[in-house]
Amino acid sequence: GPDGDMGAPDCRVGFTLMAPDTFYP
């Protein structure tokens, strides 16, 4: 995507990483 090291049209693709016992509000 626009902020990634790889580009492709009209997209963003990435990863979400969360620690144990965590609430993503």
PDBML (XML) file of the C-alpha atoms, coordinates in Angstrom:
<?xml version="1.0" encoding="UTF-8" ?>
<PDBx:datablock datablockName="MODEL"
   xmlns:PDBx="http://pdbml.pdb.org/schema/pdbx-v50.xsd"
   xmlns:xsi="http://www.w3.org/2001/XMLSchema-instance"
   xsi:schemaLocation="http://pdbml.pdb.org/schema/pdbx-v50.xsd pdbx-v50.xsd">
   <PDBx:atom_siteCategory>
      <PDBx:atom_site id="1">
         <PDBx:B_iso_or_equiv>0.00</PDBx:B_iso_or_equiv>
         <PDBx:Cartn_x>0.000</PDBx:Cartn_x>
         <PDBx:Cartn_y>0.000</PDBx:Cartn_y>
         <PDBx:Cartn_z>0.000</PDBx:Cartn_z>
         <PDBx:auth_asym_id>A</PDBx:auth_asym_id>
         <PDBx:auth_atom_id>CA</PDBx:auth_atom_id>
         <PDBx:auth_comp_id>GLY</PDBx:auth_comp_id>
         <PDBx:auth_seq_id>1</PDBx:auth_seq_id>
         <PDBx:group_PDB>ATOM</PDBx:group_PDB>
         <PDBx:label_alt_id xsi:nil="true" />
         <PDBx:label_asym_id>A</PDBx:label_asym_id>
         <PDBx:label_atom_id>CA</PDBx:label_atom_id>
         <PDBx:label_comp_id>GLY</PDBx:label_comp_id>
         <PDBx:label_entity_id>1</PDBx:label_entity_id>
         <PDBx:label_seq_id>1</PDBx:label_seq_id>
         <PDBx:occupancy>1.00</PDBx:occupancy>
         <PDBx:pdbx_PDB_model_num>1</PDBx:pdbx_PDB_model_num>
         <PDBx:type_symbol>C</PDBx:type_symbol>
      </PDBx:atom_site>
      <PDBx:atom_site id="2">
         <PDBx:B_iso_or_equiv>0.00</PDBx:B_iso_or_equiv>
         <PDBx:Cartn_x>0.961</PDBx:Cartn_x>
         <PDBx:Cartn_y>3.682</PDBx:Cartn_y>
         <PDBx:Cartn_z>0.062</PDBx:Cartn_z>
         <PDBx:auth_asym_id>A</PDBx:auth_asym_id>
         <PDBx:auth_atom_id>CA</PDBx:auth_atom_id>
         <PDBx:auth_comp_id>PRO</PDBx:auth_comp_id>
         <PDBx:auth_seq_id>2</PDBx:auth_seq_id>
         <PDBx:group_PDB>ATOM</PDBx:group_PDB>
         <PDBx:label_alt_id xsi:nil="true" />
         <PDBx:label_asym_id>A</PDBx:label_asym_id>
         <PDBx:label_atom_id>CA</PDBx:label_atom_id>
         <PDBx:label_comp_id>PRO</PDBx:label_comp_id>
         <PDBx:label_entity_id>1</PDBx:label_entity_id>
         <PDBx:label_seq_id>2</PDBx:label_seq_id>
         <PDBx:occupancy>1.00</PDBx:occupancy>
         <PDBx:pdbx_PDB_model_num>1</PDBx:pdbx_PDB_model_num>
         <PDBx:type_symbol>C</PDBx:type_symbol>
      </PDBx:atom_site>
      <PDBx:atom_site id="3">
         <PDBx:B_iso_or_equiv>0.00</PDBx:B_iso_or_equiv>
         <PDBx:Cartn_x>2.867</PDBx:Cartn_x>
         <PDBx:Cartn_y>3.281</PDBx:Cartn_y>
         <PDBx:Cartn_z>3.347</PDBx:Cartn_z>
         <PDBx:auth_asym_id>A</PDBx:auth_asym_id>
         <PDBx:auth_atom_id>CA</PDBx:auth_atom_id>
         <PDBx:auth_comp_id>ASP</PDBx:auth_comp_id>
         <PDBx:auth_seq_id>3</PDBx:auth_seq_id>
         <PDBx:group_PDB>ATOM</PDBx:group_PDB>
         <PDBx:label_alt_id xsi:nil="true" />
         <PDBx:label_asym_id>A</PDBx:label_asym_id>
         <PDBx:label_atom_id>CA</PDBx:label_atom_id>
         <PDBx:label_comp_id>ASP</PDBx:label_comp_id>
         <PDBx:label_entity_id>1</PDBx:label_entity_id>
         <PDBx:label_seq_id>3</PDBx:label_seq_id>
         <PDBx:occupancy>1.00</PDBx:occupancy>
         <PDBx:pdbx_PDB_model_num>1</PDBx:pdbx_PDB_model_num>
         <PDBx:type_symbol>C</PDBx:type_symbol>
      </PDBx:atom_site>
      <PDBx:atom_site id="4">
         <PDBx:B_iso_or_equiv>0.00</PDBx:B_iso_or_equiv>
         <PDBx:Cartn_x>4.251</PDBx:Cartn_x>
         <PDBx:Cartn_y>-0.215</PDBx:Cartn_y>
         <PDBx:Cartn_z>2.747</PDBx:Cartn_z>
         <PDBx:auth_asym_id>A</PDBx:auth_asym_id>
         <PDBx:auth_atom_id>CA</PDBx:auth_atom_id>
         <PDBx:auth_comp_id>GLY</PDBx:auth_comp_id>
         <PDBx:auth_seq_id>4</PDBx:auth_seq_id>
         <PDBx:group_PDB>ATOM</PDBx:group_PDB>
         <PDBx:label_alt_id xsi:nil="true" />
         <PDBx:label_asym_id>A</PDBx:label_asym_id>
         <PDBx:label_atom_id>CA</PDBx:label_atom_id>
         <PDBx:label_comp_id>GLY</PDBx:label_comp_id>
         <PDBx:label_entity_id>1</PDBx:label_entity_id>
         <PDBx:label_seq_id>4</PDBx:label_seq_id>
         <PDBx:occupancy>1.00</PDBx:occupancy>
         <PDBx:pdbx_PDB_model_num>1</PDBx:pdbx_PDB_model_num>
         <PDBx:type_symbol>C</PDBx:type_symbol>
      </PDBx:atom_site>
      <PDBx:atom_site id="5">
         <PDBx:B_iso_or_equiv>0.00</PDBx:B_iso_or_equiv>
         <PDBx:Cartn_x>7.443</PDBx:Cartn_x>
         <PDBx:Cartn_y>-1.323</PDBx:Cartn_y>
         <PDBx:Cartn_z>1.022</PDBx:Cartn_z>
         <PDBx:auth_asym_id>A</PDBx:auth_asym_id>
         <PDBx:auth_atom_id>CA</PDBx:auth_atom_id>
         <PDBx:auth_comp_id>ASP</PDBx:auth_comp_id>
         <PDBx:auth_seq_id>5</PDBx:auth_seq_id>
         <PDBx:group_PDB>ATOM</PDBx:group_PDB>
         <PDBx:label_alt_id xsi:nil="true" />
         <PDBx:label_asym_id>A</PDBx:label_asym_id>
         <PDBx:label_atom_id>CA</PDBx:label_atom_id>
         <PDBx:label_comp_id>ASP</PDBx:label_comp_id>
         <PDBx:label_entity_id>1</PDBx:label_entity_id>
         <PDBx:label_seq_id>5</PDBx:label_seq_id>
         <PDBx:occupancy>1.00</PDBx:occupancy>
         <PDBx:pdbx_PDB_model_num>1</PDBx:pdbx_PDB_model_num>
         <PDBx:type_symbol>C</PDBx:type_symbol>
      </PDBx:atom_site>
      <PDBx:atom_site id="6">
         <PDBx:B_iso_or_equiv>0.00</PDBx:B_iso_or_equiv>
         <PDBx:Cartn_x>5.331</PDBx:Cartn_x>
         <PDBx:Cartn_y>-3.114</PDBx:Cartn_y>
         <PDBx:Cartn_z>-1.581</PDBx:Cartn_z>
         <PDBx:auth_asym_id>A</PDBx:auth_asym_id>
         <PDBx:auth_atom_id>CA</PDBx:auth_atom_id>
         <PDBx:auth_comp_id>MET</PDBx:auth_comp_id>
         <PDBx:auth_seq_id>6</PDBx:auth_seq_id>
         <PDBx:group_PDB>ATOM</PDBx:group_PDB>
         <PDBx:label_alt_id xsi:nil="true" />
         <PDBx:label_asym_id>A</PDBx:label_asym_id>
         <PDBx:label_atom_id>CA</PDBx:label_atom_id>
         <PDBx:label_comp_id>MET</PDBx:label_comp_id>
         <PDBx:label_entity_id>1</PDBx:label_entity_id>
         <PDBx:label_seq_id>6</PDBx:label_seq_id>
         <PDBx:occupancy>1.00</PDBx:occupancy>
         <PDBx:pdbx_PDB_model_num>1</PDBx:pdbx_PDB_model_num>
         <PDBx:type_symbol>C</PDBx:type_symbol>
      </PDBx:atom_site>
      <PDBx:atom_site id="7">
         <PDBx:B_iso_or_equiv>0.00</PDBx:B_iso_or_equiv>
         <PDBx:Cartn_x>2.730</PDBx:Cartn_x>
         <PDBx:Cartn_y>-1.426</PDBx:Cartn_y>
         <PDBx:Cartn_z>-3.772</PDBx:Cartn_z>
         <PDBx:auth_asym_id>A</PDBx:auth_asym_id>
         <PDBx:auth_atom_id>CA</PDBx:auth_atom_id>
         <PDBx:auth_comp_id>GLY</PDBx:auth_comp_id>
         <PDBx:auth_seq_id>7</PDBx:auth_seq_id>
         <PDBx:group_PDB>ATOM</PDBx:group_PDB>
         <PDBx:label_alt_id xsi:nil="true" />
         <PDBx:label_asym_id>A</PDBx:label_asym_id>
         <PDBx:label_atom_id>CA</PDBx:label_atom_id>
         <PDBx:label_comp_id>GLY</PDBx:label_comp_id>
         <PDBx:label_entity_id>1</PDBx:label_entity_id>
         <PDBx:label_seq_id>7</PDBx:label_seq_id>
         <PDBx:occupancy>1.00</PDBx:occupancy>
         <PDBx:pdbx_PDB_model_num>1</PDBx:pdbx_PDB_model_num>
         <PDBx:type_symbol>C</PDBx:type_symbol>
      </PDBx:atom_site>
      <PDBx:atom_site id="8">
         <PDBx:B_iso_or_equiv>0.00</PDBx:B_iso_or_equiv>
         <PDBx:Cartn_x>-0.399</PDBx:Cartn_x>
         <PDBx:Cartn_y>-2.529</PDBx:Cartn_y>
         <PDBx:Cartn_z>-5.632</PDBx:Cartn_z>
         <PDBx:auth_asym_id>A</PDBx:auth_asym_id>
         <PDBx:auth_atom_id>CA</PDBx:auth_atom_id>
         <PDBx:auth_comp_id>ALA</PDBx:auth_comp_id>
         <PDBx:auth_seq_id>8</PDBx:auth_seq_id>
         <PDBx:group_PDB>ATOM</PDBx:group_PDB>
         <PDBx:label_alt_id xsi:nil="true" />
         <PDBx:label_asym_id>A</PDBx:label_asym_id>
         <PDBx:label_atom_id>CA</PDBx:label_atom_id>
         <PDBx:label_comp_id>ALA</PDBx:label_comp_id>
         <PDBx:label_entity_id>1</PDBx:label_entity_id>
         <PDBx:label_seq_id>8</PDBx:label_seq_id>
         <PDBx:occupancy>1.00</PDBx:occupancy>
         <PDBx:pdbx_PDB_model_num>1</PDBx:pdbx_PDB_model_num>
         <PDBx:type_symbol>C</PDBx:type_symbol>
      </PDBx:atom_site>
      <PDBx:atom_site id="9">
         <PDBx:B_iso_or_equiv>0.00</PDBx:B_iso_or_equiv>
         <PDBx:Cartn_x>-3.365</PDBx:Cartn_x>
         <PDBx:Cartn_y>-0.547</PDBx:Cartn_y>
         <PDBx:Cartn_z>-6.980</PDBx:Cartn_z>
         <PDBx:auth_asym_id>A</PDBx:auth_asym_id>
         <PDBx:auth_atom_id>CA</PDBx:auth_atom_id>
         <PDBx:auth_comp_id>PRO</PDBx:auth_comp_id>
         <PDBx:auth_seq_id>9</PDBx:auth_seq_id>
         <PDBx:group_PDB>ATOM</PDBx:group_PDB>
         <PDBx:label_alt_id xsi:nil="true" />
         <PDBx:label_asym_id>A</PDBx:label_asym_id>
         <PDBx:label_atom_id>CA</PDBx:label_atom_id>
         <PDBx:label_comp_id>PRO</PDBx:label_comp_id>
         <PDBx:label_entity_id>1</PDBx:label_entity_id>
         <PDBx:label_seq_id>9</PDBx:label_seq_id>
         <PDBx:occupancy>1.00</PDBx:occupancy>
         <PDBx:pdbx_PDB_model_num>1</PDBx:pdbx_PDB_model_num>
         <PDBx:type_symbol>C</PDBx:type_symbol>
      </PDBx:atom_site>
      <PDBx:atom_site id="10">
         <PDBx:B_iso_or_equiv>0.00</PDBx:B_iso_or_equiv>
         <PDBx:Cartn_x>-6.182</PDBx:Cartn_x>
         <PDBx:Cartn_y>0.578</PDBx:Cartn_y>
         <PDBx:Cartn_z>-4.679</PDBx:Cartn_z>
         <PDBx:auth_asym_id>A</PDBx:auth_asym_id>
         <PDBx:auth_atom_id>CA</PDBx:auth_atom_id>
         <PDBx:auth_comp_id>ASP</PDBx:auth_comp_id>
         <PDBx:auth_seq_id>10</PDBx:auth_seq_id>
         <PDBx:group_PDB>ATOM</PDBx:group_PDB>
         <PDBx:label_alt_id xsi:nil="true" />
         <PDBx:label_asym_id>A</PDBx:label_asym_id>
         <PDBx:label_atom_id>CA</PDBx:label_atom_id>
         <PDBx:label_comp_id>ASP</PDBx:label_comp_id>
         <PDBx:label_entity_id>1</PDBx:label_entity_id>
         <PDBx:label_seq_id>10</PDBx:label_seq_id>
         <PDBx:occupancy>1.00</PDBx:occupancy>
         <PDBx:pdbx_PDB_model_num>1</PDBx:pdbx_PDB_model_num>
         <PDBx:type_symbol>C</PDBx:type_symbol>
      </PDBx:atom_site>
      <PDBx:atom_site id="11">
         <PDBx:B_iso_or_equiv>0.00</PDBx:B_iso_or_equiv>
         <PDBx:Cartn_x>-5.294</PDBx:Cartn_x>
         <PDBx:Cartn_y>-1.426</PDBx:Cartn_y>
         <PDBx:Cartn_z>-1.591</PDBx:Cartn_z>
         <PDBx:auth_asym_id>A</PDBx:auth_asym_id>
         <PDBx:auth_atom_id>CA</PDBx:auth_atom_id>
         <PDBx:auth_comp_id>CYS</PDBx:auth_comp_id>
         <PDBx:auth_seq_id>11</PDBx:auth_seq_id>
         <PDBx:group_PDB>ATOM</PDBx:group_PDB>
         <PDBx:label_alt_id xsi:nil="true" />
         <PDBx:label_asym_id>A</PDBx:label_asym_id>
         <PDBx:label_atom_id>CA</PDBx:label_atom_id>
         <PDBx:label_comp_id>CYS</PDBx:label_comp_id>
         <PDBx:label_entity_id>1</PDBx:label_entity_id>
         <PDBx:label_seq_id>11</PDBx:label_seq_id>
         <PDBx:occupancy>1.00</PDBx:occupancy>
         <PDBx:pdbx_PDB_model_num>1</PDBx:pdbx_PDB_model_num>
         <PDBx:type_symbol>C</PDBx:type_symbol>
      </PDBx:atom_site>
      <PDBx:atom_site id="12">
         <PDBx:B_iso_or_equiv>0.00</PDBx:B_iso_or_equiv>
         <PDBx:Cartn_x>-3.678</PDBx:Cartn_x>
         <PDBx:Cartn_y>-1.585</PDBx:Cartn_y>
         <PDBx:Cartn_z>1.791</PDBx:Cartn_z>
         <PDBx:auth_asym_id>A</PDBx:auth_asym_id>
         <PDBx:auth_atom_id>CA</PDBx:auth_atom_id>
         <PDBx:auth_comp_id>ARG</PDBx:auth_comp_id>
         <PDBx:auth_seq_id>12</PDBx:auth_seq_id>
         <PDBx:group_PDB>ATOM</PDBx:group_PDB>
         <PDBx:label_alt_id xsi:nil="true" />
         <PDBx:label_asym_id>A</PDBx:label_asym_id>
         <PDBx:label_atom_id>CA</PDBx:label_atom_id>
         <PDBx:label_comp_id>ARG</PDBx:label_comp_id>
         <PDBx:label_entity_id>1</PDBx:label_entity_id>
         <PDBx:label_seq_id>12</PDBx:label_seq_id>
         <PDBx:occupancy>1.00</PDBx:occupancy>
         <PDBx:pdbx_PDB_model_num>1</PDBx:pdbx_PDB_model_num>
         <PDBx:type_symbol>C</PDBx:type_symbol>
      </PDBx:atom_site>
      <PDBx:atom_site id="13">
         <PDBx:B_iso_or_equiv>0.00</PDBx:B_iso_or_equiv>
         <PDBx:Cartn_x>-2.641</PDBx:Cartn_x>
         <PDBx:Cartn_y>-4.987</PDBx:Cartn_y>
         <PDBx:Cartn_z>3.159</PDBx:Cartn_z>
         <PDBx:auth_asym_id>A</PDBx:auth_asym_id>
         <PDBx:auth_atom_id>CA</PDBx:auth_atom_id>
         <PDBx:auth_comp_id>VAL</PDBx:auth_comp_id>
         <PDBx:auth_seq_id>13</PDBx:auth_seq_id>
         <PDBx:group_PDB>ATOM</PDBx:group_PDB>
         <PDBx:label_alt_id xsi:nil="true" />
         <PDBx:label_asym_id>A</PDBx:label_asym_id>
         <PDBx:label_atom_id>CA</PDBx:label_atom_id>
         <PDBx:label_comp_id>VAL</PDBx:label_comp_id>
         <PDBx:label_entity_id>1</PDBx:label_entity_id>
         <PDBx:label_seq_id>13</PDBx:label_seq_id>
         <PDBx:occupancy>1.00</PDBx:occupancy>
         <PDBx:pdbx_PDB_model_num>1</PDBx:pdbx_PDB_model_num>
         <PDBx:type_symbol>C</PDBx:type_symbol>
      </PDBx:atom_site>
      <PDBx:atom_site id="14">
         <PDBx:B_iso_or_equiv>0.00</PDBx:B_iso_or_equiv>
         <PDBx:Cartn_x>-0.836</PDBx:Cartn_x>
         <PDBx:Cartn_y>-5.497</PDBx:Cartn_y>
         <PDBx:Cartn_z>6.433</PDBx:Cartn_z>
         <PDBx:auth_asym_id>A</PDBx:auth_asym_id>
         <PDBx:auth_atom_id>CA</PDBx:auth_atom_id>
         <PDBx:auth_comp_id>GLY</PDBx:auth_comp_id>
         <PDBx:auth_seq_id>14</PDBx:auth_seq_id>
         <PDBx:group_PDB>ATOM</PDBx:group_PDB>
         <PDBx:label_alt_id xsi:nil="true" />
         <PDBx:label_asym_id>A</PDBx:label_asym_id>
         <PDBx:label_atom_id>CA</PDBx:label_atom_id>
         <PDBx:label_comp_id>GLY</PDBx:label_comp_id>
         <PDBx:label_entity_id>1</PDBx:label_entity_id>
         <PDBx:label_seq_id>14</PDBx:label_seq_id>
         <PDBx:occupancy>1.00</PDBx:occupancy>
         <PDBx:pdbx_PDB_model_num>1</PDBx:pdbx_PDB_model_num>
         <PDBx:type_symbol>C</PDBx:type_symbol>
      </PDBx:atom_site>
      <PDBx:atom_site id="15">
         <PDBx:B_iso_or_equiv>0.00</PDBx:B_iso_or_equiv>
         <PDBx:Cartn_x>-0.698</PDBx:Cartn_x>
         <PDBx:Cartn_y>-7.180</PDBx:Cartn_y>
         <PDBx:Cartn_z>9.812</PDBx:Cartn_z>
         <PDBx:auth_asym_id>A</PDBx:auth_asym_id>
         <PDBx:auth_atom_id>CA</PDBx:auth_atom_id>
         <PDBx:auth_comp_id>PHE</PDBx:auth_comp_id>
         <PDBx:auth_seq_id>15</PDBx:auth_seq_id>
         <PDBx:group_PDB>ATOM</PDBx:group_PDB>
         <PDBx:label_alt_id xsi:nil="true" />
         <PDBx:label_asym_id>A</PDBx:label_asym_id>
         <PDBx:label_atom_id>CA</PDBx:label_atom_id>
         <PDBx:label_comp_id>PHE</PDBx:label_comp_id>
         <PDBx:label_entity_id>1</PDBx:label_entity_id>
         <PDBx:label_seq_id>15</PDBx:label_seq_id>
         <PDBx:occupancy>1.00</PDBx:occupancy>
         <PDBx:pdbx_PDB_model_num>1</PDBx:pdbx_PDB_model_num>
         <PDBx:type_symbol>C</PDBx:type_symbol>
      </PDBx:atom_site>
      <PDBx:atom_site id="16">
         <PDBx:B_iso_or_equiv>0.00</PDBx:B_iso_or_equiv>
         <PDBx:Cartn_x>-2.207</PDBx:Cartn_x>
         <PDBx:Cartn_y>-6.606</PDBx:Cartn_y>
         <PDBx:Cartn_z>13.234</PDBx:Cartn_z>
         <PDBx:auth_asym_id>A</PDBx:auth_asym_id>
         <PDBx:auth_atom_id>CA</PDBx:auth_atom_id>
         <PDBx:auth_comp_id>THR</PDBx:auth_comp_id>
         <PDBx:auth_seq_id>16</PDBx:auth_seq_id>
         <PDBx:group_PDB>ATOM</PDBx:group_PDB>
         <PDBx:label_alt_id xsi:nil="true" />
         <PDBx:label_asym_id>A</PDBx:label_asym_id>
         <PDBx:label_atom_id>CA</PDBx:label_atom_id>
         <PDBx:label_comp_id>THR</PDBx:label_comp_id>
         <PDBx:label_entity_id>1</PDBx:label_entity_id>
         <PDBx:label_seq_id>16</PDBx:label_seq_id>
         <PDBx:occupancy>1.00</PDBx:occupancy>
         <PDBx:pdbx_PDB_model_num>1</PDBx:pdbx_PDB_model_num>
         <PDBx:type_symbol>C</PDBx:type_symbol>
      </PDBx:atom_site>
      <PDBx:atom_site id="17">
         <PDBx:B_iso_or_equiv>0.00</PDBx:B_iso_or_equiv>
         <PDBx:Cartn_x>-0.313</PDBx:Cartn_x>
         <PDBx:Cartn_y>-7.935</PDBx:Cartn_y>
         <PDBx:Cartn_z>16.251</PDBx:Cartn_z>
         <PDBx:auth_asym_id>A</PDBx:auth_asym_id>
         <PDBx:auth_atom_id>CA</PDBx:auth_atom_id>
         <PDBx:auth_comp_id>LEU</PDBx:auth_comp_id>
         <PDBx:auth_seq_id>17</PDBx:auth_seq_id>
         <PDBx:group_PDB>ATOM</PDBx:group_PDB>
         <PDBx:label_alt_id xsi:nil="true" />
         <PDBx:label_asym_id>A</PDBx:label_asym_id>
         <PDBx:label_atom_id>CA</PDBx:label_atom_id>
         <PDBx:label_comp_id>LEU</PDBx:label_comp_id>
         <PDBx:label_entity_id>1</PDBx:label_entity_id>
         <PDBx:label_seq_id>17</PDBx:label_seq_id>
         <PDBx:occupancy>1.00</PDBx:occupancy>
         <PDBx:pdbx_PDB_model_num>1</PDBx:pdbx_PDB_model_num>
         <PDBx:type_symbol>C</PDBx:type_symbol>
      </PDBx:atom_site>
      <PDBx:atom_site id="18">
         <PDBx:B_iso_or_equiv>0.00</PDBx:B_iso_or_equiv>
         <PDBx:Cartn_x>-1.760</PDBx:Cartn_x>
         <PDBx:Cartn_y>-8.037</PDBx:Cartn_y>
         <PDBx:Cartn_z>19.771</PDBx:Cartn_z>
         <PDBx:auth_asym_id>A</PDBx:auth_asym_id>
         <PDBx:auth_atom_id>CA</PDBx:auth_atom_id>
         <PDBx:auth_comp_id>MET</PDBx:auth_comp_id>
         <PDBx:auth_seq_id>18</PDBx:auth_seq_id>
         <PDBx:group_PDB>ATOM</PDBx:group_PDB>
         <PDBx:label_alt_id xsi:nil="true" />
         <PDBx:label_asym_id>A</PDBx:label_asym_id>
         <PDBx:label_atom_id>CA</PDBx:label_atom_id>
         <PDBx:label_comp_id>MET</PDBx:label_comp_id>
         <PDBx:label_entity_id>1</PDBx:label_entity_id>
         <PDBx:label_seq_id>18</PDBx:label_seq_id>
         <PDBx:occupancy>1.00</PDBx:occupancy>
         <PDBx:pdbx_PDB_model_num>1</PDBx:pdbx_PDB_model_num>
         <PDBx:type_symbol>C</PDBx:type_symbol>
      </PDBx:atom_site>
      <PDBx:atom_site id="19">
         <PDBx:B_iso_or_equiv>0.00</PDBx:B_iso_or_equiv>
         <PDBx:Cartn_x>-0.275</PDBx:Cartn_x>
         <PDBx:Cartn_y>-9.128</PDBx:Cartn_y>
         <PDBx:Cartn_z>23.081</PDBx:Cartn_z>
         <PDBx:auth_asym_id>A</PDBx:auth_asym_id>
         <PDBx:auth_atom_id>CA</PDBx:auth_atom_id>
         <PDBx:auth_comp_id>ALA</PDBx:auth_comp_id>
         <PDBx:auth_seq_id>19</PDBx:auth_seq_id>
         <PDBx:group_PDB>ATOM</PDBx:group_PDB>
         <PDBx:label_alt_id xsi:nil="true" />
         <PDBx:label_asym_id>A</PDBx:label_asym_id>
         <PDBx:label_atom_id>CA</PDBx:label_atom_id>
         <PDBx:label_comp_id>ALA</PDBx:label_comp_id>
         <PDBx:label_entity_id>1</PDBx:label_entity_id>
         <PDBx:label_seq_id>19</PDBx:label_seq_id>
         <PDBx:occupancy>1.00</PDBx:occupancy>
         <PDBx:pdbx_PDB_model_num>1</PDBx:pdbx_PDB_model_num>
         <PDBx:type_symbol>C</PDBx:type_symbol>
      </PDBx:atom_site>
      <PDBx:atom_site id="20">
         <PDBx:B_iso_or_equiv>0.00</PDBx:B_iso_or_equiv>
         <PDBx:Cartn_x>-2.096</PDBx:Cartn_x>
         <PDBx:Cartn_y>-11.634</PDBx:Cartn_y>
         <PDBx:Cartn_z>25.307</PDBx:Cartn_z>
         <PDBx:auth_asym_id>A</PDBx:auth_asym_id>
         <PDBx:auth_atom_id>CA</PDBx:auth_atom_id>
         <PDBx:auth_comp_id>PRO</PDBx:auth_comp_id>
         <PDBx:auth_seq_id>20</PDBx:auth_seq_id>
         <PDBx:group_PDB>ATOM</PDBx:group_PDB>
         <PDBx:label_alt_id xsi:nil="true" />
         <PDBx:label_asym_id>A</PDBx:label_asym_id>
         <PDBx:label_atom_id>CA</PDBx:label_atom_id>
         <PDBx:label_comp_id>PRO</PDBx:label_comp_id>
         <PDBx:label_entity_id>1</PDBx:label_entity_id>
         <PDBx:label_seq_id>20</PDBx:label_seq_id>
         <PDBx:occupancy>1.00</PDBx:occupancy>
         <PDBx:pdbx_PDB_model_num>1</PDBx:pdbx_PDB_model_num>
         <PDBx:type_symbol>C</PDBx:type_symbol>
      </PDBx:atom_site>
      <PDBx:atom_site id="21">
         <PDBx:B_iso_or_equiv>0.00</PDBx:B_iso_or_equiv>
         <PDBx:Cartn_x>-4.793</PDBx:Cartn_x>
         <PDBx:Cartn_y>-10.285</PDBx:Cartn_y>
         <PDBx:Cartn_z>27.643</PDBx:Cartn_z>
         <PDBx:auth_asym_id>A</PDBx:auth_asym_id>
         <PDBx:auth_atom_id>CA</PDBx:auth_atom_id>
         <PDBx:auth_comp_id>ASP</PDBx:auth_comp_id>
         <PDBx:auth_seq_id>21</PDBx:auth_seq_id>
         <PDBx:group_PDB>ATOM</PDBx:group_PDB>
         <PDBx:label_alt_id xsi:nil="true" />
         <PDBx:label_asym_id>A</PDBx:label_asym_id>
         <PDBx:label_atom_id>CA</PDBx:label_atom_id>
         <PDBx:label_comp_id>ASP</PDBx:label_comp_id>
         <PDBx:label_entity_id>1</PDBx:label_entity_id>
         <PDBx:label_seq_id>21</PDBx:label_seq_id>
         <PDBx:occupancy>1.00</PDBx:occupancy>
         <PDBx:pdbx_PDB_model_num>1</PDBx:pdbx_PDB_model_num>
         <PDBx:type_symbol>C</PDBx:type_symbol>
      </PDBx:atom_site>
      <PDBx:atom_site id="22">
         <PDBx:B_iso_or_equiv>0.00</PDBx:B_iso_or_equiv>
         <PDBx:Cartn_x>-5.298</PDBx:Cartn_x>
         <PDBx:Cartn_y>-7.142</PDBx:Cartn_y>
         <PDBx:Cartn_z>25.571</PDBx:Cartn_z>
         <PDBx:auth_asym_id>A</PDBx:auth_asym_id>
         <PDBx:auth_atom_id>CA</PDBx:auth_atom_id>
         <PDBx:auth_comp_id>THR</PDBx:auth_comp_id>
         <PDBx:auth_seq_id>22</PDBx:auth_seq_id>
         <PDBx:group_PDB>ATOM</PDBx:group_PDB>
         <PDBx:label_alt_id xsi:nil="true" />
         <PDBx:label_asym_id>A</PDBx:label_asym_id>
         <PDBx:label_atom_id>CA</PDBx:label_atom_id>
         <PDBx:label_comp_id>THR</PDBx:label_comp_id>
         <PDBx:label_entity_id>1</PDBx:label_entity_id>
         <PDBx:label_seq_id>22</PDBx:label_seq_id>
         <PDBx:occupancy>1.00</PDBx:occupancy>
         <PDBx:pdbx_PDB_model_num>1</PDBx:pdbx_PDB_model_num>
         <PDBx:type_symbol>C</PDBx:type_symbol>
      </PDBx:atom_site>
      <PDBx:atom_site id="23">
         <PDBx:B_iso_or_equiv>0.00</PDBx:B_iso_or_equiv>
         <PDBx:Cartn_x>-8.471</PDBx:Cartn_x>
         <PDBx:Cartn_y>-5.322</PDBx:Cartn_y>
         <PDBx:Cartn_z>24.559</PDBx:Cartn_z>
         <PDBx:auth_asym_id>A</PDBx:auth_asym_id>
         <PDBx:auth_atom_id>CA</PDBx:auth_atom_id>
         <PDBx:auth_comp_id>PHE</PDBx:auth_comp_id>
         <PDBx:auth_seq_id>23</PDBx:auth_seq_id>
         <PDBx:group_PDB>ATOM</PDBx:group_PDB>
         <PDBx:label_alt_id xsi:nil="true" />
         <PDBx:label_asym_id>A</PDBx:label_asym_id>
         <PDBx:label_atom_id>CA</PDBx:label_atom_id>
         <PDBx:label_comp_id>PHE</PDBx:label_comp_id>
         <PDBx:label_entity_id>1</PDBx:label_entity_id>
         <PDBx:label_seq_id>23</PDBx:label_seq_id>
         <PDBx:occupancy>1.00</PDBx:occupancy>
         <PDBx:pdbx_PDB_model_num>1</PDBx:pdbx_PDB_model_num>
         <PDBx:type_symbol>C</PDBx:type_symbol>
      </PDBx:atom_site>
      <PDBx:atom_site id="24">
         <PDBx:B_iso_or_equiv>0.00</PDBx:B_iso_or_equiv>
         <PDBx:Cartn_x>-8.431</PDBx:Cartn_x>
         <PDBx:Cartn_y>-3.405</PDBx:Cartn_y>
         <PDBx:Cartn_z>21.278</PDBx:Cartn_z>
         <PDBx:auth_asym_id>A</PDBx:auth_asym_id>
         <PDBx:auth_atom_id>CA</PDBx:auth_atom_id>
         <PDBx:auth_comp_id>TYR</PDBx:auth_comp_id>
         <PDBx:auth_seq_id>24</PDBx:auth_seq_id>
         <PDBx:group_PDB>ATOM</PDBx:group_PDB>
         <PDBx:label_alt_id xsi:nil="true" />
         <PDBx:label_asym_id>A</PDBx:label_asym_id>
         <PDBx:label_atom_id>CA</PDBx:label_atom_id>
         <PDBx:label_comp_id>TYR</PDBx:label_comp_id>
         <PDBx:label_entity_id>1</PDBx:label_entity_id>
         <PDBx:label_seq_id>24</PDBx:label_seq_id>
         <PDBx:occupancy>1.00</PDBx:occupancy>
         <PDBx:pdbx_PDB_model_num>1</PDBx:pdbx_PDB_model_num>
         <PDBx:type_symbol>C</PDBx:type_symbol>
      </PDBx:atom_site>
      <PDBx:atom_site id="25">
         <PDBx:B_iso_or_equiv>0.00</PDBx:B_iso_or_equiv>
         <PDBx:Cartn_x>-11.268</PDBx:Cartn_x>
         <PDBx:Cartn_y>-0.969</PDBx:Cartn_y>
         <PDBx:Cartn_z>21.955</PDBx:Cartn_z>
         <PDBx:auth_asym_id>A</PDBx:auth_asym_id>
         <PDBx:auth_atom_id>CA</PDBx:auth_atom_id>
         <PDBx:auth_comp_id>PRO</PDBx:auth_comp_id>
         <PDBx:auth_seq_id>25</PDBx:auth_seq_id>
         <PDBx:group_PDB>ATOM</PDBx:group_PDB>
         <PDBx:label_alt_id xsi:nil="true" />
         <PDBx:label_asym_id>A</PDBx:label_asym_id>
         <PDBx:label_atom_id>CA</PDBx:label_atom_id>
         <PDBx:label_comp_id>PRO</PDBx:label_comp_id>
         <PDBx:label_entity_id>1</PDBx:label_entity_id>
         <PDBx:label_seq_id>25</PDBx:label_seq_id>
         <PDBx:occupancy>1.00</PDBx:occupancy>
         <PDBx:pdbx_PDB_model_num>1</PDBx:pdbx_PDB_model_num>
         <PDBx:type_symbol>C</PDBx:type_symbol>
      </PDBx:atom_site>
   </PDBx:atom_siteCategory>
</PDBx:datablock>
